[in-house]
Full PDB file with SEQRES, HELIX, SHEET, SSBOND, CRYST1, ORIGX, SCALE, CONECT and MASTER records, all heavy atoms in Angstrom:
SEQRES   1 A   37  THR ASP LEU ALA SER HIS ILE ILE GLY GLN LEU VAL ALA          
SEQRES   2 A   37  VAL HIS PRO ALA PHE ASP GLU TRP VAL ASP PRO PHE ALA          
SEQRES   3 A   37  ALA PRO GLU VAL GLN GLY LYS PRO ARG GLU ARG                  
HELIX    1 AA1 HIS A    6  GLY A    9  1                                   4    
HELIX    2 AA2 GLN A   10  VAL A   12  5                                   3    
HELIX    3 AA3 PRO A   16  PHE A   18  5                                   3    
HELIX    4 AA4 ASP A   19  VAL A   22  1                                   4    
HELIX    5 AA5 ASP A   23  PHE A   25  5                                   3    
CRYST1    1.000    1.000    1.000  90.00  90.00  90.00 P 1           1          
ORIGX1      1.000000  0.000000  0.000000        0.00000                         
ORIGX2      0.000000  1.000000  0.000000        0.00000                         
ORIGX3      0.000000  0.000000  1.000000        0.00000                         
SCALE1      1.000000  0.000000  0.000000        0.00000                         
SCALE2      0.000000  1.000000  0.000000        0.00000                         
SCALE3      0.000000  0.000000  1.000000        0.00000                         
ATOM      1  N   THR A   1      10.472  -7.657 -25.134  1.00  0.00           N  
ATOM      2  CA  THR A   1       9.708  -8.784 -24.611  1.00  0.00           C  
ATOM      3  C   THR A   1       8.695  -8.310 -23.644  1.00  0.00           C  
ATOM      4  O   THR A   1       7.561  -8.745 -23.587  1.00  0.00           O  
ATOM      5  CB  THR A   1      10.583  -9.928 -24.137  1.00  0.00           C  
ATOM      6  OG1 THR A   1      11.252  -9.551 -22.855  1.00  0.00           O  
ATOM      7  CG2 THR A   1      11.698 -10.257 -25.230  1.00  0.00           C  
ATOM      8  N   ASP A   2       9.140  -7.642 -22.661  1.00  0.00           N  
ATOM      9  CA  ASP A   2       8.347  -7.088 -21.562  1.00  0.00           C  
ATOM     10  C   ASP A   2       9.196  -6.220 -20.727  1.00  0.00           C  
ATOM     11  O   ASP A   2      10.495  -6.093 -20.803  1.00  0.00           O  
ATOM     12  CB  ASP A   2       7.717  -8.189 -20.704  1.00  0.00           C  
ATOM     13  CG  ASP A   2       8.589  -9.555 -20.630  1.00  0.00           C  
ATOM     14  OD1 ASP A   2       9.710  -9.435 -20.290  1.00  0.00           O  
ATOM     15  OD2 ASP A   2       8.073 -10.493 -21.179  1.00  0.00           O  
ATOM     16  N   LEU A   3       8.605  -5.660 -19.643  1.00  0.00           N  
ATOM     17  CA  LEU A   3       9.196  -4.718 -18.703  1.00  0.00           C  
ATOM     18  C   LEU A   3       9.370  -5.464 -17.442  1.00  0.00           C  
ATOM     19  O   LEU A   3       8.538  -6.357 -17.049  1.00  0.00           O  
ATOM     20  CB  LEU A   3       8.471  -3.415 -18.537  1.00  0.00           C  
ATOM     21  CG  LEU A   3       8.259  -2.516 -19.790  1.00  0.00           C  
ATOM     22  CD1 LEU A   3       7.574  -1.262 -19.405  1.00  0.00           C  
ATOM     23  CD2 LEU A   3       9.529  -2.171 -20.459  1.00  0.00           C  
ATOM     24  N   ALA A   4      10.353  -5.110 -16.562  1.00  0.00           N  
ATOM     25  CA  ALA A   4      10.489  -5.815 -15.347  1.00  0.00           C  
ATOM     26  C   ALA A   4      10.757  -4.668 -14.216  1.00  0.00           C  
ATOM     27  O   ALA A   4      11.537  -3.786 -14.401  1.00  0.00           O  
ATOM     28  CB  ALA A   4      11.675  -6.744 -15.308  1.00  0.00           C  
ATOM     29  N   SER A   5      10.163  -4.924 -13.036  1.00  0.00           N  
ATOM     30  CA  SER A   5      10.242  -3.999 -11.855  1.00  0.00           C  
ATOM     31  C   SER A   5      10.714  -4.775 -10.597  1.00  0.00           C  
ATOM     32  O   SER A   5      10.232  -4.385  -9.526  1.00  0.00           O  
ATOM     33  CB  SER A   5       8.983  -3.211 -11.690  1.00  0.00           C  
ATOM     34  OG  SER A   5       7.957  -4.057 -11.274  1.00  0.00           O  
ATOM     35  N   HIS A   6      11.585  -5.676 -10.680  1.00  0.00           N  
ATOM     36  CA  HIS A   6      11.883  -6.583  -9.588  1.00  0.00           C  
ATOM     37  C   HIS A   6      12.246  -5.741  -8.344  1.00  0.00           C  
ATOM     38  O   HIS A   6      11.631  -5.953  -7.292  1.00  0.00           O  
ATOM     39  CB  HIS A   6      13.070  -7.455  -9.895  1.00  0.00           C  
ATOM     40  CG  HIS A   6      12.634  -8.467 -10.900  1.00  0.00           C  
ATOM     41  ND1 HIS A   6      12.606  -8.233 -12.219  1.00  0.00           N  
ATOM     42  CD2 HIS A   6      12.502  -9.863 -10.713  1.00  0.00           C  
ATOM     43  CE1 HIS A   6      12.306  -9.364 -12.823  1.00  0.00           C  
ATOM     44  NE2 HIS A   6      12.214 -10.375 -11.939  1.00  0.00           N  
ATOM     45  N   ILE A   7      13.275  -4.974  -8.335  1.00  0.00           N  
ATOM     46  CA  ILE A   7      13.684  -4.332  -7.056  1.00  0.00           C  
ATOM     47  C   ILE A   7      12.791  -3.210  -6.681  1.00  0.00           C  
ATOM     48  O   ILE A   7      12.699  -2.857  -5.420  1.00  0.00           O  
ATOM     49  CB  ILE A   7      15.094  -3.737  -7.227  1.00  0.00           C  
ATOM     50  CG1 ILE A   7      15.232  -2.570  -8.220  1.00  0.00           C  
ATOM     51  CG2 ILE A   7      16.085  -4.773  -7.525  1.00  0.00           C  
ATOM     52  CD1 ILE A   7      16.578  -1.983  -8.293  1.00  0.00           C  
ATOM     53  N   ILE A   8      11.903  -2.792  -7.509  1.00  0.00           N  
ATOM     54  CA  ILE A   8      10.796  -1.900  -7.106  1.00  0.00           C  
ATOM     55  C   ILE A   8       9.722  -2.605  -6.385  1.00  0.00           C  
ATOM     56  O   ILE A   8       9.173  -2.187  -5.322  1.00  0.00           O  
ATOM     57  CB  ILE A   8      10.332  -1.010  -8.320  1.00  0.00           C  
ATOM     58  CG1 ILE A   8      11.476  -0.306  -9.010  1.00  0.00           C  
ATOM     59  CG2 ILE A   8       9.247   0.087  -7.784  1.00  0.00           C  
ATOM     60  CD1 ILE A   8      12.298   0.612  -8.055  1.00  0.00           C  
ATOM     61  N   GLY A   9       9.287  -3.641  -7.120  1.00  0.00           N  
ATOM     62  CA  GLY A   9       8.255  -4.508  -6.466  1.00  0.00           C  
ATOM     63  C   GLY A   9       8.616  -5.005  -5.075  1.00  0.00           C  
ATOM     64  O   GLY A   9       7.827  -5.065  -4.201  1.00  0.00           O  
ATOM     65  N   GLN A  10       9.887  -5.259  -4.838  1.00  0.00           N  
ATOM     66  CA  GLN A  10      10.277  -5.663  -3.578  1.00  0.00           C  
ATOM     67  C   GLN A  10      10.138  -4.649  -2.504  1.00  0.00           C  
ATOM     68  O   GLN A  10       9.949  -4.970  -1.283  1.00  0.00           O  
ATOM     69  CB  GLN A  10      11.886  -6.003  -3.547  1.00  0.00           C  
ATOM     70  CG  GLN A  10      12.357  -6.689  -2.368  1.00  0.00           C  
ATOM     71  CD  GLN A  10      13.724  -7.420  -2.549  1.00  0.00           C  
ATOM     72  OE1 GLN A  10      14.300  -7.354  -3.650  1.00  0.00           O  
ATOM     73  NE2 GLN A  10      14.234  -7.996  -1.528  1.00  0.00           N  
ATOM     74  N   LEU A  11      10.107  -3.362  -2.884  1.00  0.00           N  
ATOM     75  CA  LEU A  11       9.908  -2.260  -1.969  1.00  0.00           C  
ATOM     76  C   LEU A  11       8.444  -2.101  -1.563  1.00  0.00           C  
ATOM     77  O   LEU A  11       8.136  -1.345  -0.612  1.00  0.00           O  
ATOM     78  CB  LEU A  11      10.419  -1.005  -2.525  1.00  0.00           C  
ATOM     79  CG  LEU A  11      11.908  -0.890  -2.862  1.00  0.00           C  
ATOM     80  CD1 LEU A  11      12.346   0.387  -3.375  1.00  0.00           C  
ATOM     81  CD2 LEU A  11      12.698  -1.298  -1.545  1.00  0.00           C  
ATOM     82  N   VAL A  12       7.486  -2.813  -2.177  1.00  0.00           N  
ATOM     83  CA  VAL A  12       6.055  -2.752  -1.897  1.00  0.00           C  
ATOM     84  C   VAL A  12       5.844  -3.211  -0.467  1.00  0.00           C  
ATOM     85  O   VAL A  12       4.961  -2.764   0.264  1.00  0.00           O  
ATOM     86  CB  VAL A  12       5.218  -3.464  -2.908  1.00  0.00           C  
ATOM     87  CG1 VAL A  12       3.753  -3.528  -2.485  1.00  0.00           C  
ATOM     88  CG2 VAL A  12       5.247  -2.701  -4.336  1.00  0.00           C  
ATOM     89  N   ALA A  13       6.690  -4.140  -0.087  1.00  0.00           N  
ATOM     90  CA  ALA A  13       6.569  -4.796   1.281  1.00  0.00           C  
ATOM     91  C   ALA A  13       7.913  -5.154   1.779  1.00  0.00           C  
ATOM     92  O   ALA A  13       8.563  -6.094   1.301  1.00  0.00           O  
ATOM     93  CB  ALA A  13       5.613  -6.044   1.197  1.00  0.00           C  
ATOM     94  N   VAL A  14       8.403  -4.448   2.737  1.00  0.00           N  
ATOM     95  CA  VAL A  14       9.724  -4.584   3.328  1.00  0.00           C  
ATOM     96  C   VAL A  14       9.664  -4.775   4.835  1.00  0.00           C  
ATOM     97  O   VAL A  14       9.027  -3.858   5.544  1.00  0.00           O  
ATOM     98  CB  VAL A  14      10.642  -3.333   3.001  1.00  0.00           C  
ATOM     99  CG1 VAL A  14      12.004  -3.617   3.607  1.00  0.00           C  
ATOM    100  CG2 VAL A  14      10.687  -3.168   1.405  1.00  0.00           C  
ATOM    101  N   HIS A  15      10.117  -5.862   5.322  1.00  0.00           N  
ATOM    102  CA  HIS A  15      10.289  -6.086   6.710  1.00  0.00           C  
ATOM    103  C   HIS A  15      11.211  -5.069   7.375  1.00  0.00           C  
ATOM    104  O   HIS A  15      12.312  -4.810   6.705  1.00  0.00           O  
ATOM    105  CB  HIS A  15      10.708  -7.539   7.145  1.00  0.00           C  
ATOM    106  CG  HIS A  15      10.553  -7.710   8.613  1.00  0.00           C  
ATOM    107  ND1 HIS A  15      11.687  -7.345   9.515  1.00  0.00           N  
ATOM    108  CD2 HIS A  15       9.669  -8.288   9.369  1.00  0.00           C  
ATOM    109  CE1 HIS A  15      11.295  -7.718  10.768  1.00  0.00           C  
ATOM    110  NE2 HIS A  15      10.141  -8.282  10.692  1.00  0.00           N  
ATOM    111  N   PRO A  16      11.022  -4.434   8.541  1.00  0.00           N  
ATOM    112  CA  PRO A  16      11.900  -3.451   9.091  1.00  0.00           C  
ATOM    113  C   PRO A  16      13.434  -3.893   9.161  1.00  0.00           C  
ATOM    114  O   PRO A  16      14.253  -3.012   9.067  1.00  0.00           O  
ATOM    115  CB  PRO A  16      11.386  -3.188  10.457  1.00  0.00           C  
ATOM    116  CG  PRO A  16       9.978  -3.474  10.314  1.00  0.00           C  
ATOM    117  CD  PRO A  16       9.844  -4.613   9.382  1.00  0.00           C  
ATOM    118  N   ALA A  17      13.611  -5.156   9.255  1.00  0.00           N  
ATOM    119  CA  ALA A  17      14.973  -5.668   9.359  1.00  0.00           C  
ATOM    120  C   ALA A  17      15.746  -5.363   8.116  1.00  0.00           C  
ATOM    121  O   ALA A  17      16.997  -5.295   8.049  1.00  0.00           O  
ATOM    122  CB  ALA A  17      15.042  -7.185   9.500  1.00  0.00           C  
ATOM    123  N   PHE A  18      15.050  -5.121   6.983  1.00  0.00           N  
ATOM    124  CA  PHE A  18      15.724  -4.939   5.709  1.00  0.00           C  
ATOM    125  C   PHE A  18      15.648  -3.474   5.240  1.00  0.00           C  
ATOM    126  O   PHE A  18      16.069  -3.147   4.104  1.00  0.00           O  
ATOM    127  CB  PHE A  18      15.112  -5.780   4.633  1.00  0.00           C  
ATOM    128  CG  PHE A  18      15.188  -7.254   4.859  1.00  0.00           C  
ATOM    129  CD1 PHE A  18      13.978  -7.981   5.060  1.00  0.00           C  
ATOM    130  CD2 PHE A  18      16.464  -7.897   5.188  1.00  0.00           C  
ATOM    131  CE1 PHE A  18      14.054  -9.339   5.477  1.00  0.00           C  
ATOM    132  CE2 PHE A  18      16.550  -9.206   5.473  1.00  0.00           C  
ATOM    133  CZ  PHE A  18      15.382  -9.995   5.682  1.00  0.00           C  
ATOM    134  N   ASP A  19      15.126  -2.523   6.056  1.00  0.00           N  
ATOM    135  CA  ASP A  19      14.875  -1.061   5.599  1.00  0.00           C  
ATOM    136  C   ASP A  19      16.145  -0.493   5.132  1.00  0.00           C  
ATOM    137  O   ASP A  19      16.106  -0.008   3.957  1.00  0.00           O  
ATOM    138  CB  ASP A  19      14.335  -0.359   6.849  1.00  0.00           C  
ATOM    139  CG  ASP A  19      12.806  -0.366   6.944  1.00  0.00           C  
ATOM    140  OD1 ASP A  19      12.209  -0.757   5.920  1.00  0.00           O  
ATOM    141  OD2 ASP A  19      12.320  -0.126   7.957  1.00  0.00           O  
ATOM    142  N   GLU A  20      17.254  -0.514   5.868  1.00  0.00           N  
ATOM    143  CA  GLU A  20      18.493   0.199   5.469  1.00  0.00           C  
ATOM    144  C   GLU A  20      19.136  -0.562   4.298  1.00  0.00           C  
ATOM    145  O   GLU A  20      19.735   0.157   3.489  1.00  0.00           O  
ATOM    146  CB  GLU A  20      19.439   0.332   6.556  1.00  0.00           C  
ATOM    147  CG  GLU A  20      18.990   1.273   7.682  1.00  0.00           C  
ATOM    148  CD  GLU A  20      20.088   1.699   8.635  1.00  0.00           C  
ATOM    149  OE1 GLU A  20      21.323   1.509   8.315  1.00  0.00           O  
ATOM    150  OE2 GLU A  20      19.762   2.019   9.777  1.00  0.00           O  
ATOM    151  N   TRP A  21      18.914  -1.764   4.223  1.00  0.00           N  
ATOM    152  CA  TRP A  21      19.561  -2.576   3.108  1.00  0.00           C  
ATOM    153  C   TRP A  21      18.966  -2.201   1.732  1.00  0.00           C  
ATOM    154  O   TRP A  21      19.659  -2.101   0.752  1.00  0.00           O  
ATOM    155  CB  TRP A  21      19.325  -4.071   3.499  1.00  0.00           C  
ATOM    156  CG  TRP A  21      19.991  -5.026   2.613  1.00  0.00           C  
ATOM    157  CD1 TRP A  21      20.841  -4.826   1.580  1.00  0.00           C  
ATOM    158  CD2 TRP A  21      19.887  -6.491   2.742  1.00  0.00           C  
ATOM    159  NE1 TRP A  21      21.328  -5.962   1.056  1.00  0.00           N  
ATOM    160  CE2 TRP A  21      20.705  -7.080   1.773  1.00  0.00           C  
ATOM    161  CE3 TRP A  21      19.209  -7.351   3.693  1.00  0.00           C  
ATOM    162  CZ2 TRP A  21      20.840  -8.420   1.587  1.00  0.00           C  
ATOM    163  CZ3 TRP A  21      19.411  -8.717   3.428  1.00  0.00           C  
ATOM    164  CH2 TRP A  21      20.182  -9.228   2.500  1.00  0.00           C  
ATOM    165  N   VAL A  22      17.550  -2.027   1.722  1.00  0.00           N  
ATOM    166  CA  VAL A  22      16.955  -1.853   0.428  1.00  0.00           C  
ATOM    167  C   VAL A  22      16.679  -0.333   0.096  1.00  0.00           C  
ATOM    168  O   VAL A  22      16.298   0.012  -0.973  1.00  0.00           O  
ATOM    169  CB  VAL A  22      15.576  -2.552   0.374  1.00  0.00           C  
ATOM    170  CG1 VAL A  22      15.942  -4.154   0.539  1.00  0.00           C  
ATOM    171  CG2 VAL A  22      14.637  -2.073   1.388  1.00  0.00           C  
ATOM    172  N   ASP A  23      16.866   0.513   1.086  1.00  0.00           N  
ATOM    173  CA  ASP A  23      16.617   1.892   0.888  1.00  0.00           C  
ATOM    174  C   ASP A  23      17.183   2.552  -0.467  1.00  0.00           C  
ATOM    175  O   ASP A  23      16.686   3.367  -1.009  1.00  0.00           O  
ATOM    176  CB  ASP A  23      16.975   2.795   2.171  1.00  0.00           C  
ATOM    177  CG  ASP A  23      15.949   3.565   2.736  1.00  0.00           C  
ATOM    178  OD1 ASP A  23      14.760   3.277   2.331  1.00  0.00           O  
ATOM    179  OD2 ASP A  23      16.136   4.284   3.623  1.00  0.00           O  
ATOM    180  N   PRO A  24      18.469   2.158  -0.720  1.00  0.00           N  
ATOM    181  CA  PRO A  24      19.103   2.785  -1.872  1.00  0.00           C  
ATOM    182  C   PRO A  24      18.332   2.510  -3.194  1.00  0.00           C  
ATOM    183  O   PRO A  24      18.619   3.242  -4.143  1.00  0.00           O  
ATOM    184  CB  PRO A  24      20.525   2.118  -1.930  1.00  0.00           C  
ATOM    185  CG  PRO A  24      20.827   1.824  -0.569  1.00  0.00           C  
ATOM    186  CD  PRO A  24      19.457   1.315  -0.045  1.00  0.00           C  
ATOM    187  N   PHE A  25      17.440   1.534  -3.221  1.00  0.00           N  
ATOM    188  CA  PHE A  25      16.751   1.268  -4.404  1.00  0.00           C  
ATOM    189  C   PHE A  25      15.652   2.273  -4.695  1.00  0.00           C  
ATOM    190  O   PHE A  25      15.007   2.404  -5.737  1.00  0.00           O  
ATOM    191  CB  PHE A  25      16.031  -0.135  -4.356  1.00  0.00           C  
ATOM    192  CG  PHE A  25      17.034  -1.291  -4.263  1.00  0.00           C  
ATOM    193  CD1 PHE A  25      16.740  -2.458  -3.654  1.00  0.00           C  
ATOM    194  CD2 PHE A  25      18.278  -1.204  -4.908  1.00  0.00           C  
ATOM    195  CE1 PHE A  25      17.653  -3.431  -3.646  1.00  0.00           C  
ATOM    196  CE2 PHE A  25      19.215  -2.193  -4.920  1.00  0.00           C  
ATOM    197  CZ  PHE A  25      18.805  -3.416  -4.271  1.00  0.00           C  
ATOM    198  N   ALA A  26      15.258   3.099  -3.625  1.00  0.00           N  
ATOM    199  CA  ALA A  26      14.134   4.015  -3.708  1.00  0.00           C  
ATOM    200  C   ALA A  26      14.586   5.414  -4.045  1.00  0.00           C  
ATOM    201  O   ALA A  26      15.814   5.725  -3.977  1.00  0.00           O  
ATOM    202  CB  ALA A  26      13.366   4.022  -2.360  1.00  0.00           C  
ATOM    203  N   ALA A  27      13.668   6.183  -4.475  1.00  0.00           N  
ATOM    204  CA  ALA A  27      13.966   7.619  -4.744  1.00  0.00           C  
ATOM    205  C   ALA A  27      14.536   8.291  -3.415  1.00  0.00           C  
ATOM    206  O   ALA A  27      13.948   7.981  -2.313  1.00  0.00           O  
ATOM    207  CB  ALA A  27      12.710   8.351  -5.265  1.00  0.00           C  
ATOM    208  N   PRO A  28      15.423   9.244  -3.556  1.00  0.00           N  
ATOM    209  CA  PRO A  28      15.926   9.896  -2.399  1.00  0.00           C  
ATOM    210  C   PRO A  28      14.940  10.481  -1.399  1.00  0.00           C  
ATOM    211  O   PRO A  28      15.091  10.369  -0.127  1.00  0.00           O  
ATOM    212  CB  PRO A  28      16.858  11.025  -2.914  1.00  0.00           C  
ATOM    213  CG  PRO A  28      17.241  10.458  -4.237  1.00  0.00           C  
ATOM    214  CD  PRO A  28      16.059   9.708  -4.784  1.00  0.00           C  
ATOM    215  N   GLU A  29      13.834  10.981  -1.920  1.00  0.00           N  
ATOM    216  CA  GLU A  29      12.913  11.664  -1.160  1.00  0.00           C  
ATOM    217  C   GLU A  29      12.069  10.748  -0.287  1.00  0.00           C  
ATOM    218  O   GLU A  29      11.430  11.138   0.684  1.00  0.00           O  
ATOM    219  CB  GLU A  29      11.889  12.495  -1.998  1.00  0.00           C  
ATOM    220  CG  GLU A  29      11.045  11.732  -3.015  1.00  0.00           C  
ATOM    221  CD  GLU A  29      11.704  11.613  -4.334  1.00  0.00           C  
ATOM    222  OE1 GLU A  29      12.984  11.737  -4.453  1.00  0.00           O  
ATOM    223  OE2 GLU A  29      10.995  11.315  -5.366  1.00  0.00           O  
ATOM    224  N   VAL A  30      12.058   9.425  -0.570  1.00  0.00           N  
ATOM    225  CA  VAL A  30      11.338   8.494   0.341  1.00  0.00           C  
ATOM    226  C   VAL A  30      12.285   7.551   1.185  1.00  0.00           C  
ATOM    227  O   VAL A  30      11.810   6.705   1.866  1.00  0.00           O  
ATOM    228  CB  VAL A  30      10.312   7.650  -0.468  1.00  0.00           C  
ATOM    229  CG1 VAL A  30       9.273   8.607  -1.105  1.00  0.00           C  
ATOM    230  CG2 VAL A  30      11.032   6.787  -1.610  1.00  0.00           C  
ATOM    231  N   GLN A  31      13.511   7.730   0.934  1.00  0.00           N  
ATOM    232  CA  GLN A  31      14.521   6.970   1.767  1.00  0.00           C  
ATOM    233  C   GLN A  31      14.280   7.258   3.228  1.00  0.00           C  
ATOM    234  O   GLN A  31      14.167   8.420   3.555  1.00  0.00           O  
ATOM    235  CB  GLN A  31      15.967   7.021   1.272  1.00  0.00           C  
ATOM    236  CG  GLN A  31      16.084   6.560  -0.201  1.00  0.00           C  
ATOM    237  CD  GLN A  31      17.570   6.733  -0.673  1.00  0.00           C  
ATOM    238  OE1 GLN A  31      18.410   7.100   0.013  1.00  0.00           O  
ATOM    239  NE2 GLN A  31      17.675   6.491  -1.935  1.00  0.00           N  
ATOM    240  N   GLY A  32      14.403   6.187   4.035  1.00  0.00           N  
ATOM    241  CA  GLY A  32      14.320   6.487   5.469  1.00  0.00           C  
ATOM    242  C   GLY A  32      12.748   6.606   5.924  1.00  0.00           C  
ATOM    243  O   GLY A  32      12.533   6.915   7.110  1.00  0.00           O  
ATOM    244  N   LYS A  33      11.789   6.410   4.953  1.00  0.00           N  
ATOM    245  CA  LYS A  33      10.472   6.594   5.327  1.00  0.00           C  
ATOM    246  C   LYS A  33       9.713   5.400   4.742  1.00  0.00           C  
ATOM    247  O   LYS A  33       9.209   5.462   3.668  1.00  0.00           O  
ATOM    248  CB  LYS A  33       9.903   7.850   4.557  1.00  0.00           C  
ATOM    249  CG  LYS A  33      10.666   9.151   4.990  1.00  0.00           C  
ATOM    250  CD  LYS A  33      10.135  10.415   4.070  1.00  0.00           C  
ATOM    251  CE  LYS A  33      11.017  11.627   4.438  1.00  0.00           C  
ATOM    252  NZ  LYS A  33      10.668  12.754   3.485  1.00  0.00           N  
ATOM    253  N   PRO A  34       9.635   4.289   5.525  1.00  0.00           N  
ATOM    254  CA  PRO A  34       9.068   3.058   5.009  1.00  0.00           C  
ATOM    255  C   PRO A  34       7.622   3.167   4.499  1.00  0.00           C  
ATOM    256  O   PRO A  34       7.366   2.603   3.455  1.00  0.00           O  
ATOM    257  CB  PRO A  34       9.060   2.110   6.241  1.00  0.00           C  
ATOM    258  CG  PRO A  34      10.211   2.768   7.111  1.00  0.00           C  
ATOM    259  CD  PRO A  34      10.134   4.245   6.864  1.00  0.00           C  
ATOM    260  N   ARG A  35       6.742   3.996   5.025  1.00  0.00           N  
ATOM    261  CA  ARG A  35       5.480   3.997   4.523  1.00  0.00           C  
ATOM    262  C   ARG A  35       5.487   4.740   3.223  1.00  0.00           C  
ATOM    263  O   ARG A  35       4.746   4.268   2.253  1.00  0.00           O  
ATOM    264  CB  ARG A  35       4.472   4.780   5.577  1.00  0.00           C  
ATOM    265  CG  ARG A  35       3.087   4.770   5.210  1.00  0.00           C  
ATOM    266  CD  ARG A  35       2.223   5.541   6.141  1.00  0.00           C  
ATOM    267  NE  ARG A  35       2.228   5.038   7.486  1.00  0.00           N  
ATOM    268  CZ  ARG A  35       1.415   4.104   7.883  1.00  0.00           C  
ATOM    269  NH1 ARG A  35       0.480   3.542   7.071  1.00  0.00           N  
ATOM    270  NH2 ARG A  35       1.470   3.485   9.144  1.00  0.00           N  
ATOM    271  N   GLU A  36       6.100   5.870   3.116  1.00  0.00           N  
ATOM    272  CA  GLU A  36       6.143   6.611   1.907  1.00  0.00           C  
ATOM    273  C   GLU A  36       6.827   5.898   0.743  1.00  0.00           C  
ATOM    274  O   GLU A  36       6.545   5.978  -0.353  1.00  0.00           O  
ATOM    275  CB  GLU A  36       6.796   7.962   2.129  1.00  0.00           C  
ATOM    276  CG  GLU A  36       6.083   8.874   2.930  1.00  0.00           C  
ATOM    277  CD  GLU A  36       6.209   8.808   4.469  1.00  0.00           C  
ATOM    278  OE1 GLU A  36       6.800   7.739   4.910  1.00  0.00           O  
ATOM    279  OE2 GLU A  36       5.912   9.711   5.237  1.00  0.00           O  
ATOM    280  N   ARG A  37       7.867   5.105   1.255  1.00  0.00           N  
ATOM    281  CA  ARG A  37       8.615   4.350   0.215  1.00  0.00           C  
ATOM    282  C   ARG A  37       7.708   3.225  -0.366  1.00  0.00           C  
ATOM    283  O   ARG A  37       7.778   3.006  -1.576  1.00  0.00           O  
ATOM    284  CB  ARG A  37       9.888   3.702   0.879  1.00  0.00           C  
ATOM    285  CG  ARG A  37      10.740   2.806  -0.026  1.00  0.00           C  
ATOM    286  CD  ARG A  37      11.874   2.095   0.836  1.00  0.00           C  
ATOM    287  NE  ARG A  37      11.189   1.162   1.742  1.00  0.00           N  
ATOM    288  CZ  ARG A  37      11.770   0.895   2.862  1.00  0.00           C  
ATOM    289  NH1 ARG A  37      12.933   1.437   3.205  1.00  0.00           N  
ATOM    290  NH2 ARG A  37      11.237  -0.032   3.624  1.00  0.00           N  
TER     291      ARG A  37                                                      
MASTER        0    0    0    5    0    0    0    6  290    1    0    3          
END                                                                             
């Protein structure tokens, strides 16, 4: 039907309060690096 990128799209804009919470959704090389993530 279509593709979905919900948890990736959420990482386009993350308030610092949620950084550690959502970091596991990102590739290991950008975890802990909000701008790169």
